[in-house]
C-alpha cells in the first residue's frame, strides 16, 4: 500500500493537539500544539549527523503541508 508523504491526525485524548505524521524515512510525528517531534526511527551516529542537516527542511515541509491542507478546508 502506498501512503502520502504527510498525514494529518488528531485524537480526542489530546483535544488541543493536531499531528502531522511523516511516512517516509525518517518517519516522525510532529505535535503542532507544542512543536514536539517524536522520531519513529532508531539512529546511529552517522544517521544523527544526516538527520540534523535534514531536520529543518523536513519540519518546513511538514508546516507547509499543514498550511496547504488547512487552506483547502477553508475554501
PDB file of N, CA and C in Angstrom:
ATOM      1  N   UNK A   1       0.845  -1.171   0.000  1.00  0.00           N
ATOM      2  CA  UNK A   1       0.000   0.000   0.000  1.00  0.00           C
ATOM      3  C   UNK A   1       0.894   1.239   0.000  1.00  0.00           C
ATOM      4  N   UNK A   2       0.506   2.203  -0.786  1.00  0.00           N
ATOM      5  CA  UNK A   2       1.255   3.458  -0.853  1.00  0.00           C
ATOM      6  C   UNK A   2       0.577   4.497   0.039  1.00  0.00           C
ATOM      7  N   UNK A   3       1.382   5.226   0.806  1.00  0.00           N
ATOM      8  CA  UNK A   3       0.887   6.268   1.688  1.00  0.00           C
ATOM      9  C   UNK A   3       1.356   7.625   1.191  1.00  0.00           C
ATOM     10  N   UNK A   4       0.594   8.685   1.496  1.00  0.00           N
ATOM     11  CA  UNK A   4       1.097  10.026   1.205  1.00  0.00           C
ATOM     12  C   UNK A   4       2.283  10.329   2.122  1.00  0.00           C
ATOM     13  N   UNK A   5       3.097  11.272   1.708  1.00  0.00           N
ATOM     14  CA  UNK A   5       4.285  11.620   2.494  1.00  0.00           C
ATOM     15  C   UNK A   5       3.911  12.172   3.864  1.00  0.00           C
ATOM     16  N   UNK A   6       2.839  12.957   3.937  1.00  0.00           N
ATOM     17  CA  UNK A   6       2.369  13.532   5.200  1.00  0.00           C
ATOM     18  C   UNK A   6       0.898  13.187   5.401  1.00  0.00           C
ATOM     19  N   UNK A   7       0.520  12.981   6.661  1.00  0.00           N
ATOM     20  CA  UNK A   7      -0.862  12.710   7.035  1.00  0.00           C
ATOM     21  C   UNK A   7      -1.196  13.589   8.241  1.00  0.00           C
ATOM     22  N   UNK A   8      -2.378  14.212   8.224  1.00  0.00           N
ATOM     23  CA  UNK A   8      -2.862  14.955   9.388  1.00  0.00           C
ATOM     24  C   UNK A   8      -3.543  13.990  10.340  1.00  0.00           C
ATOM     25  N   UNK A   9      -3.376  14.223  11.636  1.00  0.00           N
ATOM     26  CA  UNK A   9      -4.021  13.369  12.619  1.00  0.00           C
ATOM     27  C   UNK A   9      -4.476  14.157  13.825  1.00  0.00           C
ATOM     28  N   UNK A  10      -5.509  13.637  14.476  1.00  0.00           N
ATOM     29  CA  UNK A  10      -5.947  14.197  15.743  1.00  0.00           C
ATOM     30  C   UNK A  10      -6.460  13.053  16.605  1.00  0.00           C
ATOM     31  N   UNK A  11      -6.730  13.347  17.865  1.00  0.00           N
ATOM     32  CA  UNK A  11      -7.150  12.327  18.803  1.00  0.00           C
ATOM     33  C   UNK A  11      -7.915  13.016  19.919  1.00  0.00           C
ATOM     34  N   UNK A  12      -9.066  12.471  20.294  1.00  0.00           N
ATOM     35  CA  UNK A  12      -9.886  13.109  21.325  1.00  0.00           C
ATOM     36  C   UNK A  12      -9.219  13.096  22.700  1.00  0.00           C
ATOM     37  N   UNK A  13      -8.222  12.238  22.896  1.00  0.00           N
ATOM     38  CA  UNK A  13      -7.477  12.257  24.155  1.00  0.00           C
ATOM     39  C   UNK A  13      -6.557  13.475  24.250  1.00  0.00           C
ATOM     40  N   UNK A  14      -6.304  14.126  23.118  1.00  0.00           N
ATOM     41  CA  UNK A  14      -5.475  15.331  23.045  1.00  0.00           C
ATOM     42  C   UNK A  14      -6.267  16.392  22.276  1.00  0.00           C
ATOM     43  N   UNK A  15      -7.294  16.958  22.891  1.00  0.00           N
ATOM     44  CA  UNK A  15      -8.235  17.808  22.157  1.00  0.00           C
ATOM     45  C   UNK A  15      -7.634  19.079  21.562  1.00  0.00           C
ATOM     46  N   UNK A  16      -6.529  19.557  22.093  1.00  0.00           N
ATOM     47  CA  UNK A  16      -5.930  20.785  21.573  1.00  0.00           C
ATOM     48  C   UNK A  16      -4.818  20.531  20.565  1.00  0.00           C
ATOM     49  N   UNK A  17      -4.481  19.276  20.346  1.00  0.00           N
ATOM     50  CA  UNK A  17      -3.330  18.943  19.503  1.00  0.00           C
ATOM     51  C   UNK A  17      -3.757  18.530  18.101  1.00  0.00           C
ATOM     52  N   UNK A  18      -2.951  18.904  17.154  1.00  0.00           N
ATOM     53  CA  UNK A  18      -3.015  18.432  15.779  1.00  0.00           C
ATOM     54  C   UNK A  18      -1.657  17.796  15.501  1.00  0.00           C
ATOM     55  N   UNK A  19      -1.659  16.703  14.778  1.00  0.00           N
ATOM     56  CA  UNK A  19      -0.420  15.995  14.500  1.00  0.00           C
ATOM     57  C   UNK A  19      -0.194  15.898  12.995  1.00  0.00           C
ATOM     58  N   UNK A  20       1.064  15.956  12.622  1.00  0.00           N
ATOM     59  CA  UNK A  20       1.463  15.657  11.257  1.00  0.00           C
ATOM     60  C   UNK A  20       2.337  14.409  11.338  1.00  0.00           C
ATOM     61  N   UNK A  21       1.970  13.400  10.565  1.00  0.00           N
ATOM     62  CA  UNK A  21       2.730  12.156  10.526  1.00  0.00           C
ATOM     63  C   UNK A  21       3.498  12.125   9.209  1.00  0.00           C
ATOM     64  N   UNK A  22       4.796  11.976   9.295  1.00  0.00           N
ATOM     65  CA  UNK A  22       5.662  11.868   8.124  1.00  0.00           C
ATOM     66  C   UNK A  22       5.921  10.386   7.901  1.00  0.00           C
ATOM     67  N   UNK A  23       5.530   9.858   6.736  1.00  0.00           N
ATOM     68  CA  UNK A  23       5.569   8.418   6.496  1.00  0.00           C
ATOM     69  C   UNK A  23       6.822   7.940   5.774  1.00  0.00           C
ATOM     70  N   UNK A  24       7.621   8.856   5.240  1.00  0.00           N
ATOM     71  CA  UNK A  24       8.884   8.491   4.583  1.00  0.00           C
ATOM     72  C   UNK A  24      10.001   8.491   5.610  1.00  0.00           C
ATOM     73  N   UNK A  25      11.121   7.875   5.238  1.00  0.00           N
ATOM     74  CA  UNK A  25      12.280   7.912   6.128  1.00  0.00           C
ATOM     75  C   UNK A  25      12.846   9.318   6.152  1.00  0.00           C
ATOM     76  N   UNK A  26      13.142   9.839   7.283  1.00  0.00           N
ATOM     77  CA  UNK A  26      12.937   9.313   8.621  1.00  0.00           C
ATOM     78  C   UNK A  26      11.520   9.625   9.112  1.00  0.00           C
ATOM     79  N   UNK A  27      10.826   8.606   9.538  1.00  0.00           N
ATOM     80  CA  UNK A  27       9.441   8.760   9.976  1.00  0.00           C
ATOM     81  C   UNK A  27       9.386   9.504  11.315  1.00  0.00           C
ATOM     82  N   UNK A  28       8.370  10.380  11.427  1.00  0.00           N
ATOM     83  CA  UNK A  28       8.197  11.109  12.683  1.00  0.00           C
ATOM     84  C   UNK A  28       6.759  11.570  12.818  1.00  0.00           C
ATOM     85  N   UNK A  29       6.404  11.950  14.040  1.00  0.00           N
ATOM     86  CA  UNK A  29       5.124  12.589  14.324  1.00  0.00           C
ATOM     87  C   UNK A  29       5.438  13.944  14.942  1.00  0.00           C
ATOM     88  N   UNK A  30       4.852  14.978  14.380  1.00  0.00           N
ATOM     89  CA  UNK A  30       5.041  16.348  14.847  1.00  0.00           C
ATOM     90  C   UNK A  30       3.752  16.808  15.513  1.00  0.00           C
ATOM     91  N   UNK A  31       3.845  17.211  16.764  1.00  0.00           N
ATOM     92  CA  UNK A  31       2.707  17.751  17.506  1.00  0.00           C
ATOM     93  C   UNK A  31       2.694  19.264  17.280  1.00  0.00           C
ATOM     94  N   UNK A  32       1.707  19.745  16.571  1.00  0.00           N
ATOM     95  CA  UNK A  32       1.649  21.177  16.255  1.00  0.00           C
ATOM     96  C   UNK A  32       1.304  22.044  17.453  1.00  0.00           C
ATOM     97  N   UNK A  33       0.746  21.447  18.495  1.00  0.00           N
ATOM     98  CA  UNK A  33       0.405  22.211  19.695  1.00  0.00           C
ATOM     99  C   UNK A  33       1.657  22.745  20.389  1.00  0.00           C
ATOM    100  N   UNK A  34       2.716  21.931  20.421  1.00  0.00           N
ATOM    101  CA  UNK A  34       3.918  22.322  21.157  1.00  0.00           C
ATOM    102  C   UNK A  34       5.215  22.123  20.359  1.00  0.00           C
ATOM    103  N   UNK A  35       5.095  21.799  19.076  1.00  0.00           N
ATOM    104  CA  UNK A  35       6.239  21.590  18.170  1.00  0.00           C
ATOM    105  C   UNK A  35       7.133  20.417  18.585  1.00  0.00           C
ATOM    106  N   UNK A  36       6.627  19.521  19.403  1.00  0.00           N
ATOM    107  CA  UNK A  36       7.400  18.350  19.818  1.00  0.00           C
ATOM    108  C   UNK A  36       7.434  17.338  18.675  1.00  0.00           C
ATOM    109  N   UNK A  37       8.602  16.747  18.470  1.00  0.00           N
ATOM    110  CA  UNK A  37       8.789  15.744  17.422  1.00  0.00           C
ATOM    111  C   UNK A  37       9.122  14.408  18.069  1.00  0.00           C
ATOM    112  N   UNK A  38       8.419  13.378  17.640  1.00  0.00           N
ATOM    113  CA  UNK A  38       8.729  12.014  18.066  1.00  0.00           C
ATOM    114  C   UNK A  38       9.216  11.265  16.839  1.00  0.00           C
ATOM    115  N   UNK A  39      10.498  10.913  16.842  1.00  0.00           N
ATOM    116  CA  UNK A  39      11.076  10.161  15.732  1.00  0.00           C
ATOM    117  C   UNK A  39      10.694   8.699  15.883  1.00  0.00           C
ATOM    118  N   UNK A  40      10.339   8.065  14.788  1.00  0.00           N
ATOM    119  CA  UNK A  40       9.921   6.670  14.792  1.00  0.00           C
ATOM    120  C   UNK A  40      11.013   5.756  14.251  1.00  0.00           C
ATOM    121  N   UNK A  41      12.214   6.244  14.225  1.00  0.00           N
ATOM    122  CA  UNK A  41      13.377   5.503  13.738  1.00  0.00           C
ATOM    123  C   UNK A  41      14.436   5.465  14.834  1.00  0.00           C
ATOM    124  N   UNK A  42      15.280   4.460  14.770  1.00  0.00           N
ATOM    125  CA  UNK A  42      16.479   4.414  15.602  1.00  0.00           C
ATOM    126  C   UNK A  42      17.639   4.905  14.755  1.00  0.00           C
ATOM    127  N   UNK A  43      18.411   5.829  15.301  1.00  0.00           N
ATOM    128  CA  UNK A  43      19.501   6.440  14.545  1.00  0.00           C
ATOM    129  C   UNK A  43      20.842   6.085  15.160  1.00  0.00           C
ATOM    130  N   UNK A  44      21.821   5.800  14.290  1.00  0.00           N
ATOM    131  CA  UNK A  44      23.185   5.655  14.774  1.00  0.00           C
ATOM    132  C   UNK A  44      23.875   7.011  14.614  1.00  0.00           C
ATOM    133  N   UNK A  45      25.140   7.092  14.971  1.00  0.00           N
ATOM    134  CA  UNK A  45      25.836   8.393  14.929  1.00  0.00           C
ATOM    135  C   UNK A  45      25.888   8.959  13.511  1.00  0.00           C
ATOM    136  N   UNK A  46      26.087   8.122  12.523  1.00  0.00           N
ATOM    137  CA  UNK A  46      26.125   8.593  11.135  1.00  0.00           C
ATOM    138  C   UNK A  46      24.775   9.167  10.737  1.00  0.00           C
ATOM    139  N   UNK A  47      23.704   8.439  11.069  1.00  0.00           N
ATOM    140  CA  UNK A  47      22.355   8.912  10.765  1.00  0.00           C
ATOM    141  C   UNK A  47      22.049  10.207  11.497  1.00  0.00           C
ATOM    142  N   UNK A  48      22.516  10.335  12.718  1.00  0.00           N
ATOM    143  CA  UNK A  48      22.254  11.519  13.532  1.00  0.00           C
ATOM    144  C   UNK A  48      22.773  12.777  12.842  1.00  0.00           C
ATOM    145  N   UNK A  49      23.965  12.714  12.268  1.00  0.00           N
ATOM    146  CA  UNK A  49      24.522  13.877  11.576  1.00  0.00           C
ATOM    147  C   UNK A  49      23.688  14.243  10.356  1.00  0.00           C
ATOM    148  N   UNK A  50      23.281  13.225   9.599  1.00  0.00           N
ATOM    149  CA  UNK A  50      22.453  13.475   8.422  1.00  0.00           C
ATOM    150  C   UNK A  50      21.091  14.031   8.833  1.00  0.00           C
ATOM    151  N   UNK A  51      20.537  13.489   9.896  1.00  0.00           N
ATOM    152  CA  UNK A  51      19.238  13.943  10.386  1.00  0.00           C
ATOM    153  C   UNK A  51      19.288  15.417  10.793  1.00  0.00           C
ATOM    154  N   UNK A  52      20.340  15.811  11.477  1.00  0.00           N
ATOM    155  CA  UNK A  52      20.464  17.198  11.908  1.00  0.00           C
ATOM    156  C   UNK A  52      20.466  18.149  10.720  1.00  0.00           C
ATOM    157  N   UNK A  53      21.083  17.737   9.626  1.00  0.00           N
ATOM    158  CA  UNK A  53      21.128  18.611   8.453  1.00  0.00           C
ATOM    159  C   UNK A  53      19.798  18.625   7.705  1.00  0.00           C
ATOM    160  N   UNK A  54      19.010  17.567   7.803  1.00  0.00           N
ATOM    161  CA  UNK A  54      17.740  17.480   7.088  1.00  0.00           C
ATOM    162  C   UNK A  54      16.532  17.895   7.918  1.00  0.00           C
ATOM    163  N   UNK A  55      16.659  17.908   9.228  1.00  0.00           N
ATOM    164  CA  UNK A  55      15.505  18.117  10.109  1.00  0.00           C
ATOM    165  C   UNK A  55      14.795  19.438   9.845  1.00  0.00           C
ATOM    166  N   UNK A  56      15.512  20.503   9.679  1.00  0.00           N
ATOM    167  CA  UNK A  56      14.848  21.795   9.485  1.00  0.00           C
ATOM    168  C   UNK A  56      14.049  21.803   8.178  1.00  0.00           C
ATOM    169  N   UNK A  57      14.565  21.192   7.138  1.00  0.00           N
ATOM    170  CA  UNK A  57      13.835  21.117   5.869  1.00  0.00           C
ATOM    171  C   UNK A  57      12.583  20.253   6.013  1.00  0.00           C
ATOM    172  N   UNK A  58      12.703  19.142   6.728  1.00  0.00           N
ATOM    173  CA  UNK A  58      11.545  18.273   6.952  1.00  0.00           C
ATOM    174  C   UNK A  58      10.450  18.991   7.740  1.00  0.00           C
ATOM    175  N   UNK A  59      10.833  19.760   8.736  1.00  0.00           N
ATOM    176  CA  UNK A  59       9.843  20.499   9.527  1.00  0.00           C
ATOM    177  C   UNK A  59       9.183  21.575   8.671  1.00  0.00           C
ATOM    178  N   UNK A  60       9.947  22.242   7.826  1.00  0.00           N
ATOM    179  CA  UNK A  60       9.373  23.244   6.923  1.00  0.00           C
ATOM    180  C   UNK A  60       8.361  22.591   5.997  1.00  0.00           C
ATOM    181  N   UNK A  61       8.707  21.436   5.433  1.00  0.00           N
ATOM    182  CA  UNK A  61       7.786  20.721   4.554  1.00  0.00           C
ATOM    183  C   UNK A  61       6.516  20.319   5.307  1.00  0.00           C
ATOM    184  N   UNK A  62       6.660  19.891   6.549  1.00  0.00           N
ATOM    185  CA  UNK A  62       5.508  19.487   7.355  1.00  0.00           C
ATOM    186  C   UNK A  62       4.574  20.676   7.595  1.00  0.00           C
ATOM    187  N   UNK A  63       5.121  21.818   7.961  1.00  0.00           N
ATOM    188  CA  UNK A  63       4.298  23.005   8.197  1.00  0.00           C
ATOM    189  C   UNK A  63       3.666  23.517   6.901  1.00  0.00           C
ATOM    190  N   UNK A  64       4.412  23.443   5.801  1.00  0.00           N
ATOM    191  CA  UNK A  64       3.846  23.839   4.507  1.00  0.00           C
ATOM    192  C   UNK A  64       2.673  22.924   4.143  1.00  0.00           C
ATOM    193  N   UNK A  65       2.825  21.629   4.389  1.00  0.00           N
ATOM    194  CA  UNK A  65       1.742  20.684   4.152  1.00  0.00           C
ATOM    195  C   UNK A  65       0.517  21.062   4.986  1.00  0.00           C
ATOM    196  N   UNK A  66       0.720  21.345   6.257  1.00  0.00           N
ATOM    197  CA  UNK A  66      -0.391  21.708   7.143  1.00  0.00           C
ATOM    198  C   UNK A  66      -1.101  22.960   6.626  1.00  0.00           C
ATOM    199  N   UNK A  67      -0.330  23.985   6.284  1.00  0.00           N
ATOM    200  CA  UNK A  67      -0.923  25.225   5.776  1.00  0.00           C
ATOM    201  C   UNK A  67      -1.736  24.967   4.512  1.00  0.00           C
ATOM    202  N   UNK A  68      -1.210  24.135   3.624  1.00  0.00           N
ATOM    203  CA  UNK A  68      -1.921  23.801   2.385  1.00  0.00           C
ATOM    204  C   UNK A  68      -3.231  23.078   2.683  1.00  0.00           C
ATOM    205  N   UNK A  69      -3.186  22.110   3.591  1.00  0.00           N
ATOM    206  CA  UNK A  69      -4.388  21.350   3.926  1.00  0.00           C
ATOM    207  C   UNK A  69      -5.442  22.238   4.576  1.00  0.00           C
ATOM    208  N   UNK A  70      -5.034  23.081   5.502  1.00  0.00           N
ATOM    209  CA  UNK A  70      -5.983  23.975   6.173  1.00  0.00           C
ATOM    210  C   UNK A  70      -6.610  24.940   5.164  1.00  0.00           C
ATOM    211  N   UNK A  71      -5.809  25.451   4.241  1.00  0.00           N
ATOM    212  CA  UNK A  71      -6.362  26.376   3.250  1.00  0.00           C
ATOM    213  C   UNK A  71      -7.383  25.676   2.362  1.00  0.00           C
ATOM    214  N   UNK A  72      -7.217  24.409   2.105  1.00  0.00           N
ATOM    215  CA  UNK A  72      -8.186  23.664   1.297  1.00  0.00           C
ATOM    216  C   UNK A  72      -9.495  23.459   2.051  1.00  0.00           C
ATOM    217  N   UNK A  73      -9.434  23.300   3.363  1.00  0.00           N
ATOM    218  CA  UNK A  73     -10.650  23.172   4.167  1.00  0.00           C
ATOM    219  C   UNK A  73     -11.427  24.486   4.185  1.00  0.00           C
ATOM    220  N   UNK A  74     -10.711  25.599   4.143  1.00  0.00           N
ATOM    221  CA  UNK A  74     -11.341  26.913   4.242  1.00  0.00           C
ATOM    222  C   UNK A  74     -11.996  27.355   2.957  1.00  0.00           C
ATOM    223  N   UNK A  75     -11.731  26.692   1.844  1.00  0.00           N
ATOM    224  CA  UNK A  75     -12.292  27.093   0.550  1.00  0.00           C
ATOM    225  C   UNK A  75     -13.735  26.733   0.434  1.00  0.00           C
TER     226      UNK A  75
END
